[in-house]
Amino acid sequence: MNGQRCLVVLGDSVAEGWGDPDPAGGWIGWPVRLADRLRMPRQYIVNVAKPGATTADVTQDQLPAVMDLRPETVVINCGMNDALNGFDRAEVGERLDEIFEWARSIGGVAVAAPVPHPPFLDRSPMSKFRRGRTLQRIHDFNEELSRSSLASGMPDLPQDSVDAVGDPAFWDDDGIHLNSTGHAYVAEVIANILGQPAQ
């Protein structure tokens, strides 16, 4: 598993695949769909994502679990829980820097998925003030994500692809997790970023 064909996934429930059920049980999600597009055996996916994870959980718990690996690709998919719960921007920036720096130091490519605008925010009974604060946090998080990835020399996802994820057709009924179509789209975008779309 220390070979360079390993795909490491860090993040929350979306990174775990929620909303994209596997008929055999569990979840498929964009990580499996991405591996398929990269023609990578599924057993080479190291997905340590956990539901509810914030960037603090990623650096404190998930990153140490994969530190000894030398993956070719690392994908980070978190931030929604930070936005919902609130965060210190400087601290989040430092955590993101730590993740990207680790990937750079081992010669891997790290791709981070920005936080989209989930449909549940528009239909939630939360106050207008709280909704506005959450959207501002999403904006701030994504700015830190872009800054950190570019500073590390890592690829940045095109804004139009991020905006496209806001399409309601990509979301599960709960409005906070992607459905199978959404996961497939994210896998396609990341594969194209890596320059290895499906044949």
Protein backbone atom coordinates (compact mmCIF):
# COMPACT_ATOMS: atom_id res chain seq x y z
CA MET A 1 0.00 0.00 0.00
CA ASN A 2 3.03 2.29 0.19
CA GLY A 3 3.19 2.24 -3.62
CA GLN A 4 2.49 5.40 -5.53
CA ARG A 5 -0.79 4.16 -6.96
CA CYS A 6 -2.49 4.68 -3.61
CA LEU A 7 -5.36 7.20 -3.38
CA VAL A 8 -5.80 8.81 0.04
CA VAL A 9 -9.13 10.44 0.90
CA LEU A 10 -9.51 12.83 3.84
CA GLY A 11 -12.74 14.47 4.92
CA ASP A 12 -16.30 14.13 6.16
CA SER A 13 -19.43 12.17 5.26
CA VAL A 14 -19.44 13.41 1.65
CA ALA A 15 -15.91 12.07 1.25
CA GLU A 16 -17.11 8.79 2.78
CA GLY A 17 -19.70 8.56 0.02
CA TRP A 18 -22.97 9.28 1.80
CA GLY A 19 -25.89 9.69 -0.57
CA ASP A 20 -24.44 7.29 -3.15
CA PRO A 21 -25.44 3.83 -1.90
CA ASP A 22 -23.78 0.63 -3.03
CA PRO A 23 -26.33 -2.12 -3.80
CA ALA A 24 -23.97 -4.52 -2.01
CA GLY A 25 -24.02 -2.34 1.11
CA GLY A 26 -22.24 0.79 2.25
CA TRP A 27 -21.40 3.68 -0.04
CA ILE A 28 -19.82 4.14 -3.43
CA GLY A 29 -19.21 7.89 -3.49
CA TRP A 30 -16.87 9.98 -5.58
CA PRO A 31 -13.72 8.24 -4.18
CA VAL A 32 -14.68 4.89 -5.72
CA ARG A 33 -15.92 6.54 -8.89
CA LEU A 34 -12.67 8.51 -9.12
CA ALA A 35 -10.58 5.37 -8.68
CA ASP A 36 -12.56 3.71 -11.45
CA ARG A 37 -11.90 6.68 -13.74
CA LEU A 38 -8.19 6.53 -12.92
CA ARG A 39 -8.26 2.79 -13.60
CA MET A 40 -7.03 2.19 -10.06
CA PRO A 41 -8.01 -1.00 -8.22
CA ARG A 42 -10.49 -0.15 -5.49
CA GLN A 43 -8.34 -1.84 -2.86
CA TYR A 44 -5.83 0.96 -3.36
CA ILE A 45 -8.25 3.53 -1.94
CA VAL A 46 -7.36 4.57 1.61
CA ASN A 47 -10.43 6.46 2.75
CA VAL A 48 -10.16 7.64 6.34
CA ALA A 49 -13.01 10.18 6.09
CA LYS A 50 -15.51 10.27 8.96
CA PRO A 51 -19.01 11.77 9.23
CA GLY A 52 -19.05 15.13 10.97
CA ALA A 53 -15.32 15.70 10.53
CA THR A 54 -13.92 19.22 10.55
CA THR A 55 -10.47 20.31 9.41
CA ALA A 56 -9.33 19.87 13.01
CA ASP A 57 -10.43 16.22 12.92
CA VAL A 58 -8.65 15.75 9.60
CA THR A 59 -5.30 17.01 10.89
CA GLN A 60 -5.58 15.51 14.37
CA ASP A 61 -6.97 12.07 13.54
CA GLN A 62 -7.03 11.32 9.82
CA LEU A 63 -3.70 12.72 8.66
CA PRO A 64 -1.64 10.80 11.27
CA ALA A 65 -3.31 7.59 10.09
CA VAL A 66 -1.88 8.01 6.57
CA MET A 67 1.41 9.79 7.28
CA ASP A 68 3.48 6.70 6.50
CA LEU A 69 1.90 6.24 3.08
CA ARG A 70 3.28 7.65 -0.15
CA PRO A 71 0.15 8.17 -2.24
CA GLU A 72 0.18 9.50 -5.76
CA THR A 73 -3.02 11.41 -5.09
CA VAL A 74 -4.60 12.94 -1.99
CA VAL A 75 -8.12 14.36 -2.10
CA ILE A 76 -9.46 16.57 0.69
CA ASN A 77 -13.22 16.96 0.99
CA CYS A 78 -14.29 18.77 4.15
CA GLY A 79 -15.30 22.22 5.35
CA MET A 80 -19.07 22.06 5.57
CA ASN A 81 -18.96 21.12 9.24
CA ASP A 82 -16.50 23.94 9.88
CA ALA A 83 -18.91 26.35 8.18
CA LEU A 84 -21.90 25.12 10.16
CA ASN A 85 -20.13 25.17 13.52
CA GLY A 86 -17.91 28.22 13.05
CA PHE A 87 -14.13 28.37 12.85
CA ASP A 88 -11.10 30.55 13.27
CA ARG A 89 -9.90 31.38 9.77
CA ALA A 90 -6.23 31.52 10.66
CA GLU A 91 -6.38 28.13 12.37
CA VAL A 92 -8.19 26.55 9.43
CA GLY A 93 -5.61 28.02 7.08
CA GLU A 94 -2.79 26.47 9.13
CA ARG A 95 -4.48 23.07 9.09
CA LEU A 96 -4.97 23.19 5.34
CA ASP A 97 -1.34 24.24 4.90
CA GLU A 98 -0.30 21.21 6.95
CA ILE A 99 -2.25 18.84 4.72
CA PHE A 100 -1.01 20.33 1.45
CA GLU A 101 2.56 20.52 2.71
CA TRP A 102 2.50 16.83 3.65
CA ALA A 103 1.28 15.93 0.16
CA ARG A 104 3.93 18.12 -1.43
CA SER A 105 6.69 16.69 0.76
CA ILE A 106 5.99 13.13 -0.41
CA GLY A 107 5.72 14.08 -4.05
CA GLY A 108 1.96 13.58 -4.22
CA VAL A 109 -0.74 15.67 -5.82
CA ALA A 110 -3.39 17.04 -3.46
CA VAL A 111 -6.75 18.16 -4.78
CA ALA A 112 -9.26 19.83 -2.47
CA ALA A 113 -12.96 20.07 -3.17
CA PRO A 114 -14.35 23.50 -2.22
CA VAL A 115 -17.50 23.66 -0.13
CA PRO A 116 -20.55 24.17 -2.36
CA HIS A 117 -23.81 25.93 -1.55
CA PRO A 118 -25.99 23.07 -0.27
CA PRO A 119 -29.75 23.20 -0.97
CA PHE A 120 -30.60 22.61 2.67
CA LEU A 121 -29.44 26.13 3.53
CA ASP A 122 -32.21 27.58 1.40
CA ARG A 123 -34.96 25.47 2.93
CA SER A 124 -33.73 25.27 6.50
CA PRO A 125 -35.72 27.08 9.21
CA MET A 126 -32.52 28.76 10.40
CA SER A 127 -32.66 32.52 10.71
CA LYS A 128 -31.62 34.79 7.85
CA PHE A 129 -28.73 35.98 10.01
CA ARG A 130 -27.42 32.46 10.66
CA ARG A 131 -27.82 31.52 7.00
CA GLY A 132 -25.85 34.58 5.99
CA ARG A 133 -23.10 33.78 8.49
CA THR A 134 -22.89 30.20 7.23
CA LEU A 135 -22.60 31.34 3.62
CA GLN A 136 -19.88 33.80 4.62
CA ARG A 137 -18.01 31.00 6.38
CA ILE A 138 -18.27 28.85 3.25
CA HIS A 139 -16.82 31.73 1.25
CA ASP A 140 -14.01 32.27 3.77
CA PHE A 141 -13.20 28.56 3.93
CA ASN A 142 -13.00 28.28 0.17
CA GLU A 143 -10.71 31.30 -0.01
CA GLU A 144 -8.35 29.66 2.48
CA LEU A 145 -8.54 26.40 0.55
CA SER A 146 -7.62 28.10 -2.71
CA ARG A 147 -4.83 30.12 -1.08
CA SER A 148 -3.33 27.06 0.56
CA SER A 149 -3.50 24.82 -2.49
CA LEU A 150 -1.95 27.44 -4.77
CA ALA A 151 0.77 28.24 -2.23
CA SER A 152 1.70 24.56 -2.23
CA GLY A 153 1.71 24.38 -5.99
CA MET A 154 -1.34 22.14 -6.08
CA PRO A 155 -4.18 22.31 -8.64
CA ASP A 156 -7.19 24.46 -7.90
CA LEU A 157 -10.69 23.45 -9.04
CA PRO A 158 -12.24 25.79 -11.63
CA GLN A 159 -14.91 28.03 -10.12
CA ASP A 160 -17.47 27.07 -12.75
CA SER A 161 -17.21 23.41 -11.75
CA VAL A 162 -17.72 24.38 -8.11
CA ASP A 163 -20.75 26.50 -8.97
CA ALA A 164 -22.22 23.62 -10.99
CA VAL A 165 -22.38 21.45 -7.86
CA GLY A 166 -25.12 23.78 -6.61
CA ASP A 167 -27.50 22.20 -9.13
CA PRO A 168 -30.33 20.60 -7.05
CA ALA A 169 -30.16 17.57 -9.36
CA PHE A 170 -26.82 16.68 -7.74
CA TRP A 171 -28.13 16.49 -4.19
CA ASP A 172 -29.73 13.86 -1.99
CA ASP A 173 -33.12 14.53 -0.44
CA ASP A 174 -31.49 15.80 2.77
CA GLY A 175 -29.97 18.70 0.83
CA ILE A 176 -26.57 18.32 2.48
CA HIS A 177 -25.15 15.19 0.83
CA LEU A 178 -24.58 14.59 -2.85
CA ASN A 179 -26.59 11.90 -4.62
CA SER A 180 -25.14 9.39 -7.09
CA THR A 181 -25.24 11.94 -9.91
CA GLY A 182 -23.44 14.51 -7.77
CA HIS A 183 -20.75 12.06 -6.68
CA ALA A 184 -20.21 11.03 -10.30
CA TYR A 185 -19.81 14.68 -11.30
CA VAL A 186 -17.25 15.37 -8.56
CA ALA A 187 -15.27 12.29 -9.61
CA GLU A 188 -15.31 13.51 -13.21
CA VAL A 189 -14.11 17.00 -12.26
CA ILE A 190 -11.26 15.67 -10.13
CA ALA A 191 -10.23 13.15 -12.79
CA ASN A 192 -10.06 15.94 -15.34
CA ILE A 193 -8.00 18.07 -12.94
CA LEU A 194 -5.58 15.18 -12.63
CA GLY A 195 -5.47 14.94 -16.41
CA GLN A 196 -6.72 11.38 -16.43
CA PRO A 197 -10.37 11.31 -17.53
CA ALA A 198 -12.09 8.03 -18.22
CA GLN A 199 -11.21 6.43 -21.55
